Amino acid sequence: MAYGEFTVDKYTKALWLMNEDSGTTIVDVTGNHNGASDGATLLVNGGRFGSAWQIDASGEELEFSDHADWDLTTNGNYTWEFMVYPTAMGELDALWGVGCSGDPYFTIFIGDNAAASIADALWAIWYTSATAYLVQASANSAVSLNAWNYLAVTHDGSQAQANRLKCYVNGVNRSVASISTGTVGNLTSNVQLFIGSDEANNNMVGRLDSVRYRVGYVASAREIQEKNNEIKGAYGVMVV
């Protein structure tokens, strides 16, 4: 394991280092949730720490079966972390997508939203219905193209709905004011997971390295900053 890579702790439900050297299987270090590439291309030694998966077109994604570990409750604590190298960003390109067949859903995106006048940002959307949703975005131009970005999203279920989600880019909390409407509900049935896309094929474009998902834990701003410093390590800025 390379210095700076994510590691397993007692809260880790899944950790995909994406250091495969062949095949289409995405190996979960915890042994719980291996997945499969659906059209994504394996780039051996093309990642920040080793290999990476390249996603370029609609329908390309990493897929994981329905499991209770993907369920989300509004009073739950969660932390998602990604190493991402986007080569283009469009209208909300999904990194993590869970949801039923249709609504509700929870998705972490990078990209643009013209209505909000925010571009090249990190987003998290918890959607129950047209009258009940929570949207949290980072500041404009927070995510860099053609560079490795360490991205983290946290959900603190002890907070009021509008304050539950935070978006961190390269170790810094870049969250802007959230949009909170109605009362969102739990996502606890028929929840399949997509990485690098979502159920609606809103795929990212670029390379995806390590992904870590922790449950029952909200990473602090200090921890995320220290992880960013560790990732940079002797390599300095995260540009390849």
Protein backbone atom coordinates (compact mmCIF):
# COMPACT_ATOMS: atom_id res chain seq x y z
CA MET A 1 0.00 0.00 0.00
CA ALA A 2 1.38 3.40 -1.00
CA TYR A 3 1.86 6.21 1.51
CA GLY A 4 -1.26 8.38 1.59
CA GLU A 5 -3.72 5.72 0.42
CA PHE A 6 -6.96 5.27 2.35
CA THR A 7 -6.95 2.55 5.01
CA VAL A 8 -9.60 0.46 6.76
CA ASP A 9 -10.86 1.45 10.22
CA LYS A 10 -13.75 0.12 12.31
CA TYR A 11 -16.23 2.38 10.48
CA THR A 12 -15.20 1.36 6.96
CA LYS A 13 -17.97 -0.45 5.10
CA ALA A 14 -16.07 -0.50 1.83
CA LEU A 15 -12.66 0.54 0.50
CA TRP A 16 -11.82 0.20 -3.16
CA LEU A 17 -8.16 1.03 -3.81
CA MET A 18 -8.66 0.14 -7.49
CA ASN A 19 -5.20 -1.36 -7.79
CA GLU A 20 -6.33 -4.17 -10.08
CA ASP A 21 -3.92 -5.27 -12.80
CA SER A 22 -6.39 -7.14 -15.02
CA GLY A 23 -10.02 -8.20 -15.40
CA THR A 24 -13.25 -6.36 -14.63
CA THR A 25 -13.64 -7.01 -10.88
CA ILE A 26 -13.39 -4.05 -8.47
CA VAL A 27 -11.89 -5.43 -5.25
CA ASP A 28 -13.12 -4.18 -1.88
CA VAL A 29 -10.27 -4.34 0.67
CA THR A 30 -12.78 -5.17 3.43
CA GLY A 31 -13.87 -8.25 1.48
CA ASN A 32 -17.52 -7.20 1.69
CA HIS A 33 -18.39 -5.52 -1.58
CA ASN A 34 -16.51 -6.50 -4.71
CA GLY A 35 -18.04 -4.94 -7.79
CA ALA A 36 -17.70 -5.04 -11.56
CA SER A 37 -16.78 -2.64 -14.31
CA ASP A 38 -19.52 -2.00 -16.84
CA GLY A 39 -17.59 -0.49 -19.74
CA ALA A 40 -14.97 1.36 -17.67
CA THR A 41 -11.34 0.89 -18.75
CA LEU A 42 -8.65 -0.30 -16.34
CA LEU A 43 -5.51 1.85 -16.50
CA VAL A 44 -2.70 -0.14 -14.88
CA ASN A 45 -0.41 2.30 -13.05
CA GLY A 46 -2.65 5.14 -14.23
CA GLY A 47 -3.89 6.21 -10.81
CA ARG A 48 -2.68 8.50 -8.05
CA PHE A 49 -1.35 5.52 -6.08
CA GLY A 50 -1.37 2.68 -8.61
CA SER A 51 -4.06 1.71 -11.11
CA ALA A 52 -7.28 3.58 -11.87
CA TRP A 53 -10.52 3.13 -13.78
CA GLN A 54 -11.20 5.41 -16.75
CA ILE A 55 -14.80 6.42 -17.42
CA ASP A 56 -15.50 8.31 -20.65
CA ALA A 57 -19.05 7.76 -21.86
CA SER A 58 -22.65 7.29 -20.81
CA GLY A 59 -23.28 3.75 -19.60
CA GLU A 60 -19.72 3.27 -18.32
CA GLU A 61 -19.63 2.78 -14.56
CA LEU A 62 -18.64 0.57 -11.64
CA GLU A 63 -21.59 -1.43 -10.32
CA PHE A 64 -22.31 -2.94 -6.89
CA SER A 65 -25.30 -5.05 -5.88
CA ASP A 66 -28.15 -3.92 -3.66
CA HIS A 67 -27.06 -4.17 -0.01
CA ALA A 68 -28.15 -2.79 3.36
CA ASP A 69 -24.75 -1.08 3.69
CA TRP A 70 -25.86 1.43 1.04
CA ASP A 71 -29.00 2.32 3.02
CA LEU A 72 -29.07 5.85 4.38
CA THR A 73 -31.03 7.22 7.33
CA THR A 74 -31.55 10.88 8.00
CA ASN A 75 -30.12 10.57 11.54
CA GLY A 76 -27.10 8.58 10.35
CA ASN A 77 -23.45 9.59 10.18
CA TYR A 78 -21.50 8.97 6.96
CA THR A 79 -18.23 9.88 5.25
CA TRP A 80 -17.40 9.41 1.57
CA GLU A 81 -13.90 10.00 0.13
CA PHE A 82 -12.63 9.89 -3.45
CA MET A 83 -9.48 10.37 -5.49
CA VAL A 84 -10.66 11.78 -8.83
CA TYR A 85 -8.92 13.08 -11.95
CA PRO A 86 -11.61 14.71 -14.12
CA THR A 87 -10.73 15.49 -17.73
CA ALA A 88 -14.08 17.21 -18.36
CA MET A 89 -16.99 18.33 -16.22
CA GLY A 90 -20.55 18.79 -17.41
CA GLU A 91 -23.95 19.17 -15.77
CA LEU A 92 -23.57 17.15 -12.56
CA ASP A 93 -21.34 14.13 -13.28
CA ALA A 94 -21.93 11.41 -10.69
CA LEU A 95 -19.20 9.89 -8.52
CA TRP A 96 -21.54 7.94 -6.19
CA GLY A 97 -25.17 7.13 -6.83
CA VAL A 98 -27.63 5.13 -4.75
CA GLY A 99 -31.37 5.02 -5.11
CA CYS A 100 -34.45 3.04 -5.91
CA SER A 101 -35.81 2.63 -9.39
CA GLY A 102 -36.67 6.30 -9.68
CA ASP A 103 -37.01 8.38 -6.52
CA PRO A 104 -35.68 8.75 -3.87
CA TYR A 105 -31.92 8.89 -4.38
CA PHE A 106 -28.63 10.13 -2.96
CA THR A 107 -25.89 11.20 -5.36
CA ILE A 108 -22.48 12.84 -5.07
CA PHE A 109 -21.57 14.79 -8.21
CA ILE A 110 -18.86 16.98 -9.66
CA GLY A 111 -19.59 19.61 -12.28
CA ASP A 112 -21.89 22.47 -13.11
CA ASN A 113 -25.36 23.76 -12.43
CA ALA A 114 -26.33 26.75 -14.51
CA ALA A 115 -29.36 27.59 -12.38
CA ALA A 116 -27.13 27.97 -9.31
CA SER A 117 -24.35 29.72 -11.30
CA ILE A 118 -21.84 27.25 -9.89
CA ALA A 119 -19.36 25.35 -12.07
CA ASP A 120 -16.60 22.78 -11.46
CA ALA A 121 -17.93 22.11 -7.98
CA LEU A 122 -18.54 19.16 -5.66
CA TRP A 123 -22.22 18.43 -4.95
CA ALA A 124 -24.24 16.12 -2.70
CA ILE A 125 -27.98 15.70 -3.25
CA TRP A 126 -30.39 13.81 -0.98
CA TYR A 127 -33.68 13.70 -2.88
CA THR A 128 -36.96 12.26 -1.62
CA SER A 129 -39.44 14.11 -3.85
CA ALA A 130 -39.99 17.39 -5.65
CA THR A 131 -41.05 18.88 -2.31
CA ALA A 132 -38.42 17.25 -0.07
CA TYR A 133 -34.71 17.46 -0.88
CA LEU A 134 -31.34 18.66 0.41
CA VAL A 135 -28.64 20.03 -1.89
CA GLN A 136 -25.13 20.92 -0.73
CA ALA A 137 -22.48 22.29 -3.09
CA SER A 138 -18.92 23.48 -2.80
CA ALA A 139 -17.76 26.88 -3.94
CA ASN A 140 -17.44 27.71 -7.62
CA SER A 141 -14.36 26.31 -9.42
CA ALA A 142 -13.30 24.25 -6.39
CA VAL A 143 -12.59 21.03 -8.34
CA SER A 144 -9.62 21.11 -10.73
CA LEU A 145 -9.59 19.64 -14.22
CA ASN A 146 -6.68 17.44 -15.34
CA ALA A 147 -5.41 17.07 -11.78
CA TRP A 148 -5.91 14.66 -8.90
CA ASN A 149 -8.51 15.93 -6.42
CA TYR A 150 -9.12 14.52 -2.94
CA LEU A 151 -12.87 14.94 -2.41
CA ALA A 152 -14.85 14.21 0.74
CA VAL A 153 -18.50 14.51 1.70
CA THR A 154 -19.82 14.10 5.24
CA HIS A 155 -23.33 13.73 6.63
CA ASP A 156 -23.99 14.48 10.30
CA GLY A 157 -27.44 13.21 11.27
CA SER A 158 -27.40 15.08 14.60
CA GLN A 159 -27.68 18.42 12.79
CA ALA A 160 -30.69 20.24 11.41
CA GLN A 161 -31.39 19.08 7.87
CA ALA A 162 -29.89 22.16 6.21
CA ASN A 163 -26.57 21.65 8.03
CA ARG A 164 -26.08 17.88 7.68
CA LEU A 165 -23.94 17.75 4.52
CA LYS A 166 -20.47 19.22 4.00
CA CYS A 167 -18.29 19.21 0.87
CA TYR A 168 -14.48 19.17 1.17
CA VAL A 169 -12.08 19.70 -1.74
CA ASN A 170 -8.39 18.97 -1.26
CA GLY A 171 -8.68 19.14 2.51
CA VAL A 172 -10.75 22.32 2.78
CA ASN A 173 -14.45 22.69 3.63
CA ARG A 174 -15.66 24.54 0.54
CA SER A 175 -19.39 24.23 1.32
CA VAL A 176 -21.67 27.11 0.38
CA ALA A 177 -25.21 27.64 1.69
CA SER A 178 -27.35 24.54 1.22
CA ILE A 179 -30.80 24.31 -0.35
CA SER A 180 -33.15 22.48 2.02
CA THR A 181 -36.82 21.94 1.16
CA GLY A 182 -39.39 19.88 3.04
CA THR A 183 -38.26 16.86 5.08
CA VAL A 184 -36.15 14.25 3.34
CA GLY A 185 -36.72 10.57 4.12
CA ASN A 186 -34.59 7.46 4.54
CA LEU A 187 -33.23 5.43 1.61
CA THR A 188 -33.61 1.89 2.85
CA SER A 189 -34.95 -0.35 0.07
CA ASN A 190 -33.72 -1.62 -3.31
CA VAL A 191 -30.60 0.50 -3.05
CA GLN A 192 -28.06 -0.40 -5.72
CA LEU A 193 -24.73 1.45 -5.83
CA PHE A 194 -23.04 2.99 -8.86
CA ILE A 195 -19.57 4.55 -8.71
CA GLY A 196 -18.50 6.91 -11.49
CA SER A 197 -22.12 7.26 -12.59
CA ASP A 198 -25.68 6.86 -11.30
CA GLU A 199 -28.86 5.06 -12.24
CA ALA A 200 -29.63 7.73 -14.85
CA ASN A 201 -26.18 7.33 -16.53
CA ASN A 202 -24.91 10.76 -15.43
CA ASN A 203 -21.31 9.58 -15.66
CA MET A 204 -18.12 11.38 -14.76
CA VAL A 205 -15.37 11.79 -17.37
CA GLY A 206 -11.85 10.97 -16.24
CA ARG A 207 -9.98 8.66 -13.88
CA LEU A 208 -11.16 7.30 -10.55
CA ASP A 209 -8.69 5.94 -7.99
CA SER A 210 -9.43 5.09 -4.35
CA VAL A 211 -12.94 5.33 -2.84
CA ARG A 212 -13.67 4.89 0.89
CA TYR A 213 -17.11 4.76 2.50
CA ARG A 214 -17.56 4.91 6.29
CA VAL A 215 -20.76 4.51 8.31
CA GLY A 216 -21.41 5.71 11.87
CA TYR A 217 -18.65 8.29 11.56
CA VAL A 218 -18.31 11.93 10.49
CA ALA A 219 -14.73 12.79 9.58
CA SER A 220 -13.69 16.10 11.13
CA ALA A 221 -12.31 19.05 9.20
CA ARG A 222 -8.96 18.46 10.87
CA GLU A 223 -8.85 14.79 9.87
CA ILE A 224 -9.69 15.62 6.26
CA GLN A 225 -7.02 18.33 6.15
CA GLU A 226 -4.44 15.93 7.59
CA LYS A 227 -5.39 13.26 5.05
CA ASN A 228 -4.95 15.77 2.26
CA ASN A 229 -1.49 16.66 3.57
CA GLU A 230 -0.65 12.96 3.76
CA ILE A 231 -1.84 12.37 0.19
CA LYS A 232 0.28 15.23 -1.07
CA GLY A 233 3.22 13.95 0.94
CA ALA A 234 6.55 14.21 -0.79
CA TYR A 235 4.84 14.68 -4.13
CA GLY A 236 3.67 18.23 -3.35
CA VAL A 237 0.60 19.39 -5.22
CA MET A 238 -1.64 16.65 -6.61
CA VAL A 239 -1.14 17.34 -10.30
CA VAL A 240 -0.06 14.64 -12.77
